PDB file of N, CA and C in Angstrom:
ATOM      1  N   MET A   1      54.473 -15.918 -46.719  1.00  0.00           N
ATOM      2  CA  MET A   1      54.827 -14.528 -46.664  1.00  0.00           C
ATOM      3  C   MET A   1      56.272 -14.363 -47.109  1.00  0.00           C
ATOM      4  N   LEU A   2      57.157 -15.098 -46.486  1.00  0.00           N
ATOM      5  CA  LEU A   2      58.578 -15.003 -46.820  1.00  0.00           C
ATOM      6  C   LEU A   2      58.830 -15.534 -48.224  1.00  0.00           C
ATOM      7  N   GLN A   3      58.173 -16.623 -48.578  1.00  0.00           N
ATOM      8  CA  GLN A   3      58.341 -17.185 -49.918  1.00  0.00           C
ATOM      9  C   GLN A   3      57.858 -16.210 -50.985  1.00  0.00           C
ATOM     10  N   ALA A   4      56.758 -15.526 -50.723  1.00  0.00           N
ATOM     11  CA  ALA A   4      56.246 -14.549 -51.686  1.00  0.00           C
ATOM     12  C   ALA A   4      57.266 -13.447 -51.925  1.00  0.00           C
ATOM     13  N   TYR A   5      57.863 -12.963 -50.870  1.00  0.00           N
ATOM     14  CA  TYR A   5      58.862 -11.902 -51.000  1.00  0.00           C
ATOM     15  C   TYR A   5      60.101 -12.402 -51.737  1.00  0.00           C
ATOM     16  N   GLN A   6      60.524 -13.614 -51.446  1.00  0.00           N
ATOM     17  CA  GLN A   6      61.747 -14.156 -52.037  1.00  0.00           C
ATOM     18  C   GLN A   6      61.608 -14.479 -53.523  1.00  0.00           C
ATOM     19  N   THR A   7      60.394 -14.521 -54.049  1.00  0.00           N
ATOM     20  CA  THR A   7      60.229 -14.771 -55.480  1.00  0.00           C
ATOM     21  C   THR A   7      60.755 -13.619 -56.315  1.00  0.00           C
ATOM     22  N   GLY A   8      60.794 -12.419 -55.723  1.00  0.00           N
ATOM     23  CA  GLY A   8      61.220 -11.248 -56.473  1.00  0.00           C
ATOM     24  C   GLY A   8      60.082 -10.573 -57.217  1.00  0.00           C
ATOM     25  N   TRP A   9      58.901 -11.147 -57.171  1.00  0.00           N
ATOM     26  CA  TRP A   9      57.751 -10.592 -57.876  1.00  0.00           C
ATOM     27  C   TRP A   9      56.997  -9.552 -57.050  1.00  0.00           C
ATOM     28  N   VAL A  10      57.259  -9.497 -55.782  1.00  0.00           N
ATOM     29  CA  VAL A  10      56.587  -8.515 -54.929  1.00  0.00           C
ATOM     30  C   VAL A  10      57.621  -7.562 -54.338  1.00  0.00           C
ATOM     31  N   GLU A  11      57.235  -6.306 -54.233  1.00  0.00           N
ATOM     32  CA  GLU A  11      58.138  -5.308 -53.664  1.00  0.00           C
ATOM     33  C   GLU A  11      57.960  -5.176 -52.164  1.00  0.00           C
ATOM     34  N   SER A  12      56.783  -5.504 -51.690  1.00  0.00           N
ATOM     35  CA  SER A  12      56.526  -5.428 -50.253  1.00  0.00           C
ATOM     36  C   SER A  12      55.457  -6.460 -49.895  1.00  0.00           C
ATOM     37  N   VAL A  13      55.441  -6.820 -48.636  1.00  0.00           N
ATOM     38  CA  VAL A  13      54.476  -7.795 -48.140  1.00  0.00           C
ATOM     39  C   VAL A  13      53.797  -7.185 -46.920  1.00  0.00           C
ATOM     40  N   SER A  14      52.481  -7.226 -46.902  1.00  0.00           N
ATOM     41  CA  SER A  14      51.734  -6.710 -45.762  1.00  0.00           C
ATOM     42  C   SER A  14      51.809  -7.717 -44.616  1.00  0.00           C
ATOM     43  N   ILE A  15      52.233  -7.249 -43.452  1.00  0.00           N
ATOM     44  CA  ILE A  15      52.382  -8.165 -42.314  1.00  0.00           C
ATOM     45  C   ILE A  15      51.589  -7.705 -41.093  1.00  0.00           C
ATOM     46  N   GLY A  16      50.577  -6.875 -41.314  1.00  0.00           N
ATOM     47  CA  GLY A  16      49.810  -6.311 -40.205  1.00  0.00           C
ATOM     48  C   GLY A  16      49.268  -7.330 -39.226  1.00  0.00           C
ATOM     49  N   LYS A  17      48.434  -8.250 -39.698  1.00  0.00           N
ATOM     50  CA  LYS A  17      47.844  -9.245 -38.799  1.00  0.00           C
ATOM     51  C   LYS A  17      48.892 -10.223 -38.296  1.00  0.00           C
ATOM     52  N   SER A  18      49.887 -10.514 -39.136  1.00  0.00           N
ATOM     53  CA  SER A  18      50.955 -11.430 -38.707  1.00  0.00           C
ATOM     54  C   SER A  18      51.737 -10.855 -37.541  1.00  0.00           C
ATOM     55  N   ILE A  19      52.024  -9.562 -37.588  1.00  0.00           N
ATOM     56  CA  ILE A  19      52.804  -8.935 -36.514  1.00  0.00           C
ATOM     57  C   ILE A  19      51.942  -8.778 -35.260  1.00  0.00           C
ATOM     58  N   MET A  20      50.618  -8.625 -35.438  1.00  0.00           N
ATOM     59  CA  MET A  20      49.733  -8.533 -34.278  1.00  0.00           C
ATOM     60  C   MET A  20      49.735  -9.850 -33.503  1.00  0.00           C
ATOM     61  N   LEU A  21      49.758 -10.958 -34.224  1.00  0.00           N
ATOM     62  CA  LEU A  21      49.741 -12.271 -33.582  1.00  0.00           C
ATOM     63  C   LEU A  21      51.119 -12.753 -33.173  1.00  0.00           C
ATOM     64  N   ASN A  22      52.146 -12.180 -33.769  1.00  0.00           N
ATOM     65  CA  ASN A  22      53.519 -12.627 -33.530  1.00  0.00           C
ATOM     66  C   ASN A  22      54.416 -11.426 -33.276  1.00  0.00           C
ATOM     67  N   PRO A  23      54.400 -10.875 -32.067  1.00  0.00           N
ATOM     68  CA  PRO A  23      55.258  -9.724 -31.778  1.00  0.00           C
ATOM     69  C   PRO A  23      56.733 -10.033 -32.043  1.00  0.00           C
ATOM     70  N   ASN A  24      57.070 -11.303 -32.075  1.00  0.00           N
ATOM     71  CA  ASN A  24      58.439 -11.753 -32.324  1.00  0.00           C
ATOM     72  C   ASN A  24      58.612 -12.245 -33.764  1.00  0.00           C
ATOM     73  N   LEU A  25      57.827 -11.725 -34.691  1.00  0.00           N
ATOM     74  CA  LEU A  25      57.828 -12.200 -36.072  1.00  0.00           C
ATOM     75  C   LEU A  25      59.202 -12.122 -36.726  1.00  0.00           C
ATOM     76  N   VAL A  26      59.901 -11.027 -36.557  1.00  0.00           N
ATOM     77  CA  VAL A  26      61.223 -10.880 -37.175  1.00  0.00           C
ATOM     78  C   VAL A  26      62.168 -11.962 -36.662  1.00  0.00           C
ATOM     79  N   GLU A  27      62.148 -12.187 -35.362  1.00  0.00           N
ATOM     80  CA  GLU A  27      62.998 -13.232 -34.775  1.00  0.00           C
ATOM     81  C   GLU A  27      62.652 -14.608 -35.348  1.00  0.00           C
ATOM     82  N   LEU A  28      61.354 -14.902 -35.468  1.00  0.00           N
ATOM     83  CA  LEU A  28      60.938 -16.193 -36.017  1.00  0.00           C
ATOM     84  C   LEU A  28      61.444 -16.373 -37.447  1.00  0.00           C
ATOM     85  N   LEU A  29      61.362 -15.320 -38.251  1.00  0.00           N
ATOM     86  CA  LEU A  29      61.827 -15.402 -39.634  1.00  0.00           C
ATOM     87  C   LEU A  29      63.343 -15.518 -39.714  1.00  0.00           C
ATOM     88  N   GLN A  30      64.040 -14.733 -38.902  1.00  0.00           N
ATOM     89  CA  GLN A  30      65.505 -14.745 -38.943  1.00  0.00           C
ATOM     90  C   GLN A  30      66.095 -16.073 -38.479  1.00  0.00           C
ATOM     91  N   THR A  31      65.396 -16.761 -37.616  1.00  0.00           N
ATOM     92  CA  THR A  31      65.928 -18.018 -37.072  1.00  0.00           C
ATOM     93  C   THR A  31      65.321 -19.254 -37.742  1.00  0.00           C
ATOM     94  N   GLY A  32      64.586 -19.042 -38.851  1.00  0.00           N
ATOM     95  CA  GLY A  32      64.041 -20.168 -39.605  1.00  0.00           C
ATOM     96  C   GLY A  32      62.931 -20.922 -38.903  1.00  0.00           C
ATOM     97  N   ARG A  33      62.187 -20.241 -38.042  1.00  0.00           N
ATOM     98  CA  ARG A  33      61.120 -20.896 -37.275  1.00  0.00           C
ATOM     99  C   ARG A  33      59.738 -20.495 -37.798  1.00  0.00           C
ATOM    100  N   GLU A  34      59.594 -20.484 -39.128  1.00  0.00           N
ATOM    101  CA  GLU A  34      58.328 -20.094 -39.741  1.00  0.00           C
ATOM    102  C   GLU A  34      57.167 -20.977 -39.285  1.00  0.00           C
ATOM    103  N   ASN A  35      57.455 -22.223 -38.943  1.00  0.00           N
ATOM    104  CA  ASN A  35      56.400 -23.140 -38.501  1.00  0.00           C
ATOM    105  C   ASN A  35      55.783 -22.725 -37.166  1.00  0.00           C
ATOM    106  N   GLU A  36      56.415 -21.798 -36.441  1.00  0.00           N
ATOM    107  CA  GLU A  36      55.884 -21.323 -35.161  1.00  0.00           C
ATOM    108  C   GLU A  36      55.017 -20.073 -35.317  1.00  0.00           C
ATOM    109  N   ILE A  37      54.887 -19.550 -36.531  1.00  0.00           N
ATOM    110  CA  ILE A  37      54.090 -18.340 -36.756  1.00  0.00           C
ATOM    111  C   ILE A  37      52.619 -18.668 -36.528  1.00  0.00           C
ATOM    112  N   GLN A  38      51.986 -17.909 -35.646  1.00  0.00           N
ATOM    113  CA  GLN A  38      50.577 -18.123 -35.321  1.00  0.00           C
ATOM    114  C   GLN A  38      49.697 -17.430 -36.353  1.00  0.00           C
ATOM    115  N   THR A  39      48.584 -18.059 -36.693  1.00  0.00           N
ATOM    116  CA  THR A  39      47.661 -17.482 -37.668  1.00  0.00           C
ATOM    117  C   THR A  39      46.284 -17.190 -37.076  1.00  0.00           C
ATOM    118  N   THR A  40      46.056 -17.618 -35.835  1.00  0.00           N
ATOM    119  CA  THR A  40      44.802 -17.306 -35.151  1.00  0.00           C
ATOM    120  C   THR A  40      45.101 -16.819 -33.737  1.00  0.00           C
ATOM    121  N   PHE A  41      44.225 -15.978 -33.239  1.00  0.00           N
ATOM    122  CA  PHE A  41      44.341 -15.439 -31.887  1.00  0.00           C
ATOM    123  C   PHE A  41      43.925 -16.519 -30.901  1.00  0.00           C
ATOM    124  N   ASP A  42      44.760 -16.802 -29.928  1.00  0.00           N
ATOM    125  CA  ASP A  42      44.479 -17.818 -28.910  1.00  0.00           C
ATOM    126  C   ASP A  42      44.230 -17.112 -27.583  1.00  0.00           C
ATOM    127  N   TRP A  43      42.992 -17.165 -27.098  1.00  0.00           N
ATOM    128  CA  TRP A  43      42.641 -16.474 -25.854  1.00  0.00           C
ATOM    129  C   TRP A  43      43.432 -16.995 -24.661  1.00  0.00           C
ATOM    130  N   GLU A  44      43.932 -18.204 -24.739  1.00  0.00           N
ATOM    131  CA  GLU A  44      44.736 -18.751 -23.646  1.00  0.00           C
ATOM    132  C   GLU A  44      46.114 -18.095 -23.579  1.00  0.00           C
ATOM    133  N   GLN A  45      46.502 -17.377 -24.631  1.00  0.00           N
ATOM    134  CA  GLN A  45      47.790 -16.681 -24.670  1.00  0.00           C
ATOM    135  C   GLN A  45      47.598 -15.176 -24.869  1.00  0.00           C
ATOM    136  N   ALA A  46      46.470 -14.636 -24.458  1.00  0.00           N
ATOM    137  CA  ALA A  46      46.128 -13.237 -24.738  1.00  0.00           C
ATOM    138  C   ALA A  46      47.208 -12.249 -24.295  1.00  0.00           C
ATOM    139  N   ASP A  47      47.875 -12.488 -23.187  1.00  0.00           N
ATOM    140  CA  ASP A  47      48.914 -11.568 -22.710  1.00  0.00           C
ATOM    141  C   ASP A  47      50.109 -11.503 -23.651  1.00  0.00           C
ATOM    142  N   PHE A  48      50.371 -12.559 -24.392  1.00  0.00           N
ATOM    143  CA  PHE A  48      51.511 -12.617 -25.305  1.00  0.00           C
ATOM    144  C   PHE A  48      51.393 -11.592 -26.430  1.00  0.00           C
ATOM    145  N   TYR A  49      50.173 -11.309 -26.872  1.00  0.00           N
ATOM    146  CA  TYR A  49      49.960 -10.471 -28.045  1.00  0.00           C
ATOM    147  C   TYR A  49      50.130  -8.972 -27.803  1.00  0.00           C
ATOM    148  N   ARG A  50      50.062  -8.543 -26.577  1.00  0.00           N
ATOM    149  CA  ARG A  50      50.183  -7.122 -26.236  1.00  0.00           C
ATOM    150  C   ARG A  50      49.041  -6.284 -26.824  1.00  0.00           C
ATOM    151  N   TYR A  51      47.860  -6.837 -26.842  1.00  0.00           N
ATOM    152  CA  TYR A  51      46.688  -6.126 -27.345  1.00  0.00           C
ATOM    153  C   TYR A  51      46.185  -5.140 -26.294  1.00  0.00           C
ATOM    154  N   THR A  52      45.626  -4.035 -26.757  1.00  0.00           N
ATOM    155  CA  THR A  52      44.959  -3.089 -25.868  1.00  0.00           C
ATOM    156  C   THR A  52      43.560  -3.639 -25.571  1.00  0.00           C
ATOM    157  N   PRO A  53      42.860  -3.096 -24.566  1.00  0.00           N
ATOM    158  CA  PRO A  53      41.491  -3.552 -24.309  1.00  0.00           C
ATOM    159  C   PRO A  53      40.584  -3.401 -25.540  1.00  0.00           C
ATOM    160  N   ALA A  54      40.750  -2.323 -26.295  1.00  0.00           N
ATOM    161  CA  ALA A  54      39.934  -2.125 -27.503  1.00  0.00           C
ATOM    162  C   ALA A  54      40.228  -3.201 -28.547  1.00  0.00           C
ATOM    163  N   MET A  55      41.479  -3.578 -28.672  1.00  0.00           N
ATOM    164  CA  MET A  55      41.847  -4.631 -29.622  1.00  0.00           C
ATOM    165  C   MET A  55      41.273  -5.977 -29.183  1.00  0.00           C
ATOM    166  N   LEU A  56      41.304  -6.243 -27.890  1.00  0.00           N
ATOM    167  CA  LEU A  56      40.724  -7.487 -27.370  1.00  0.00           C
ATOM    168  C   LEU A  56      39.229  -7.534 -27.651  1.00  0.00           C
ATOM    169  N   HIS A  57      38.562  -6.396 -27.464  1.00  0.00           N
ATOM    170  CA  HIS A  57      37.122  -6.330 -27.740  1.00  0.00           C
ATOM    171  C   HIS A  57      36.852  -6.572 -29.229  1.00  0.00           C
ATOM    172  N   GLY A  58      37.642  -5.961 -30.092  1.00  0.00           N
ATOM    173  CA  GLY A  58      37.475  -6.161 -31.529  1.00  0.00           C
ATOM    174  C   GLY A  58      37.670  -7.609 -31.930  1.00  0.00           C
ATOM    175  N   THR A  59      38.640  -8.258 -31.320  1.00  0.00           N
ATOM    176  CA  THR A  59      38.889  -9.671 -31.605  1.00  0.00           C
ATOM    177  C   THR A  59      37.724 -10.518 -31.109  1.00  0.00           C
ATOM    178  N   GLN A  60      37.225 -10.186 -29.933  1.00  0.00           N
ATOM    179  CA  GLN A  60      36.128 -10.950 -29.339  1.00  0.00           C
ATOM    180  C   GLN A  60      34.842 -10.814 -30.151  1.00  0.00           C
ATOM    181  N   THR A  61      34.593  -9.631 -30.706  1.00  0.00           N
ATOM    182  CA  THR A  61      33.366  -9.432 -31.482  1.00  0.00           C
ATOM    183  C   THR A  61      33.506  -9.898 -32.918  1.00  0.00           C
ATOM    184  N   GLY A  62      34.722 -10.237 -33.333  1.00  0.00           N
ATOM    185  CA  GLY A  62      34.910 -10.800 -34.662  1.00  0.00           C
ATOM    186  C   GLY A  62      35.111  -9.798 -35.773  1.00  0.00           C
ATOM    187  N   HIS A  63      35.522  -8.563 -35.458  1.00  0.00           N
ATOM    188  CA  HIS A  63      35.799  -7.581 -36.513  1.00  0.00           C
ATOM    189  C   HIS A  63      36.856  -8.134 -37.452  1.00  0.00           C
ATOM    190  N   ASP A  64      36.663  -7.974 -38.744  1.00  0.00           N
ATOM    191  CA  ASP A  64      37.617  -8.539 -39.702  1.00  0.00           C
ATOM    192  C   ASP A  64      38.946  -7.800 -39.719  1.00  0.00           C
ATOM    193  N   PHE A  65      39.047  -6.663 -39.039  1.00  0.00           N
ATOM    194  CA  PHE A  65      40.325  -5.953 -38.935  1.00  0.00           C
ATOM    195  C   PHE A  65      41.328  -6.776 -38.131  1.00  0.00           C
ATOM    196  N   TYR A  66      40.825  -7.550 -37.188  1.00  0.00           N
ATOM    197  CA  TYR A  66      41.683  -8.343 -36.304  1.00  0.00           C
ATOM    198  C   TYR A  66      41.792  -9.779 -36.805  1.00  0.00           C
ATOM    199  N   PRO A  67      42.882 -10.464 -36.459  1.00  0.00           N
ATOM    200  CA  PRO A  67      43.006 -11.873 -36.843  1.00  0.00           C
ATOM    201  C   PRO A  67      41.889 -12.705 -36.221  1.00  0.00           C
ATOM    202  N   PRO A  68      41.491 -13.791 -36.871  1.00  0.00           N
ATOM    203  CA  PRO A  68      40.431 -14.630 -36.312  1.00  0.00           C
ATOM    204  C   PRO A  68      40.856 -15.267 -34.997  1.00  0.00           C
ATOM    205  N   SER A  69      39.886 -15.510 -34.154  1.00  0.00           N
ATOM    206  CA  SER A  69      40.130 -16.125 -32.855  1.00  0.00           C
ATOM    207  C   SER A  69      40.102 -17.641 -32.978  1.00  0.00           C
ATOM    208  N   LYS A  70      41.063 -18.294 -32.347  1.00  0.00           N
ATOM    209  CA  LYS A  70      41.124 -19.764 -32.339  1.00  0.00           C
ATOM    210  C   LYS A  70      39.866 -20.346 -31.699  1.00  0.00           C
ATOM    211  N   GLN A  71      39.406 -19.736 -30.622  1.00  0.00           N
ATOM    212  CA  GLN A  71      38.259 -20.259 -29.890  1.00  0.00           C
ATOM    213  C   GLN A  71      36.916 -19.796 -30.470  1.00  0.00           C
ATOM    214  N   LEU A  72      36.853 -18.572 -30.985  1.00  0.00           N
ATOM    215  CA  LEU A  72      35.575 -18.013 -31.429  1.00  0.00           C
ATOM    216  C   LEU A  72      35.393 -18.013 -32.939  1.00  0.00           C
ATOM    217  N   GLY A  73      36.459 -18.225 -33.690  1.00  0.00           N
ATOM    218  CA  GLY A  73      36.367 -18.222 -35.146  1.00  0.00           C
ATOM    219  C   GLY A  73      36.209 -16.822 -35.703  1.00  0.00           C
ATOM    220  N   VAL A  74      35.681 -16.747 -36.902  1.00  0.00           N
ATOM    221  CA  VAL A  74      35.487 -15.474 -37.588  1.00  0.00           C
ATOM    222  C   VAL A  74      33.997 -15.206 -37.667  1.00  0.00           C
ATOM    223  N   ARG A  75      33.596 -14.010 -37.270  1.00  0.00           N
ATOM    224  CA  ARG A  75      32.181 -13.671 -37.336  1.00  0.00           C
ATOM    225  C   ARG A  75      31.931 -12.441 -38.195  1.00  0.00           C
ATOM    226  N   TYR A  76      32.871 -11.530 -38.242  1.00  0.00           N
ATOM    227  CA  TYR A  76      32.819 -10.327 -39.073  1.00  0.00           C
ATOM    228  C   TYR A  76      31.665  -9.386 -38.799  1.00  0.00           C
ATOM    229  N   LYS A  77      30.876  -9.645 -37.799  1.00  0.00           N
ATOM    230  CA  LYS A  77      29.795  -8.731 -37.461  1.00  0.00           C
ATOM    231  C   LYS A  77      29.766  -8.540 -35.964  1.00  0.00           C
ATOM    232  N   SER A  78      29.327  -7.384 -35.558  1.00  0.00           N
ATOM    233  CA  SER A  78      29.176  -7.115 -34.134  1.00  0.00           C
ATOM    234  C   SER A  78      27.826  -6.457 -33.922  1.00  0.00           C
ATOM    235  N   GLU A  79      27.564  -6.068 -32.707  1.00  0.00           N
ATOM    236  CA  GLU A  79      26.301  -5.402 -32.414  1.00  0.00           C
ATOM    237  C   GLU A  79      26.217  -4.032 -33.085  1.00  0.00           C
ATOM    238  N   HIS A  80      27.337  -3.514 -33.587  1.00  0.00           N
ATOM    239  CA  HIS A  80      27.369  -2.194 -34.217  1.00  0.00           C
ATOM    240  C   HIS A  80      27.080  -2.242 -35.714  1.00  0.00           C
ATOM    241  N   PHE A  81      27.080  -3.426 -36.329  1.00  0.00           N
ATOM    242  CA  PHE A  81      26.909  -3.517 -37.786  1.00  0.00           C
ATOM    243  C   PHE A  81      25.735  -4.389 -38.155  1.00  0.00           C
TER     244      PHE A  81
END
């Protein structure tokens, strides 16, 4: 993400799912701790993410709007689709 922006070829970078998984994303980038950026939702750390109950449900059912779950993987379908 940071490397893409630093190339100068992109004007903006979408960080939606990254910020959902890393409420401290700016701090991680500013302090050079990119290796700590999470890429999957970990149910053992659910309180860290600050998700609403609806967001937790979306993650649990595997909606592609939410980042994939470390424990459940990606399913992209729910009982509604």
